[in-house]
Protein backbone atom coordinates (compact mmCIF):
# COMPACT_ATOMS: atom_id res chain seq x y z
CA MET A 1 81.26 239.07 85.75
CA ASP A 2 80.80 235.98 83.65
CA TYR A 3 83.61 234.71 81.47
CA GLU A 4 83.86 232.06 78.82
CA TYR A 5 87.11 230.11 78.58
CA ALA A 6 89.01 228.57 75.69
CA PRO A 7 91.76 226.09 76.55
CA LEU A 8 94.54 225.69 73.96
CA ARG A 9 97.47 223.31 73.77
CA LEU A 10 100.53 224.56 71.91
CA PRO A 11 103.03 221.90 70.79
CA SER A 12 106.69 222.04 71.71
CA ASN A 13 107.79 223.05 68.20
CA VAL A 14 105.99 226.43 68.55
CA ASP A 15 108.48 228.95 69.88
CA ARG A 16 107.62 231.70 72.34
CA LEU A 17 107.55 234.50 69.74
CA THR A 18 105.17 232.61 67.44
CA ALA A 19 102.89 231.70 70.35
CA ALA A 20 102.79 235.35 71.47
CA ALA A 21 101.90 236.49 67.94
CA GLN A 22 99.08 233.93 67.64
CA LEU A 23 97.65 234.93 71.01
CA ALA A 24 97.88 238.64 70.16
CA ILE A 25 95.86 238.07 66.99
CA GLN A 26 93.18 236.22 68.95
CA ALA A 27 93.10 239.02 71.52
CA GLU A 28 92.79 241.78 68.94
CA PHE A 29 90.16 240.28 66.67
CA SER A 30 88.13 238.04 68.99
CA GLY A 31 88.33 239.83 72.33
CA TRP A 32 90.23 237.10 74.19
CA GLU A 33 92.66 237.82 77.02
CA LEU A 34 95.27 235.57 78.56
CA ALA A 35 94.11 233.89 81.76
CA ARG A 36 96.81 231.26 82.38
CA VAL A 37 99.87 229.64 80.80
CA ARG A 38 101.50 226.42 81.91
CA LEU A 39 104.78 225.22 80.46
CA TYR A 40 105.37 221.47 80.70
CA ARG A 41 108.66 219.56 80.77
CA ASP A 42 108.19 218.27 77.24
CA GLY A 43 107.97 221.87 75.94
CA THR A 44 104.22 222.00 75.33
CA ARG A 45 102.21 224.92 76.66
CA GLN A 46 98.68 224.84 77.99
CA VAL A 47 97.09 228.24 77.49
CA VAL A 48 93.71 229.34 78.82
CA LEU A 49 92.09 232.36 77.19
CA ARG A 50 89.03 234.14 78.56
CA ARG A 51 86.59 236.81 77.47
CA ARG A 52 83.52 238.39 78.98
CA VAL A 53 80.17 236.87 78.08
CA VAL A 54 77.92 239.40 76.39
CA HIS A 55 74.31 238.84 77.39
CA GLN A 56 72.83 241.29 74.91
CA PRO A 57 72.33 240.23 71.31
CA GLN A 58 74.82 241.43 68.76
CA PRO A 59 73.53 243.44 65.80
CA GLY A 60 73.13 241.42 62.62
CA LEU A 61 74.88 242.05 59.37
CA SER A 62 73.07 243.95 56.66
CA TYR A 63 73.81 243.94 52.95
């Protein structure tokens, strides 16, 4: 399976609950899933999200 990745950097002033809420919104509406989280000494988090690459075209919007 092919995946596309989106690296994010969360600053130290973002607490764990807020970070979890932001990532849950991305997962629900954009199809991302959590691939990796690294917590650094200064309190920042490096998050890597992934989702499957869809090789078939998506249907267009109609009015």
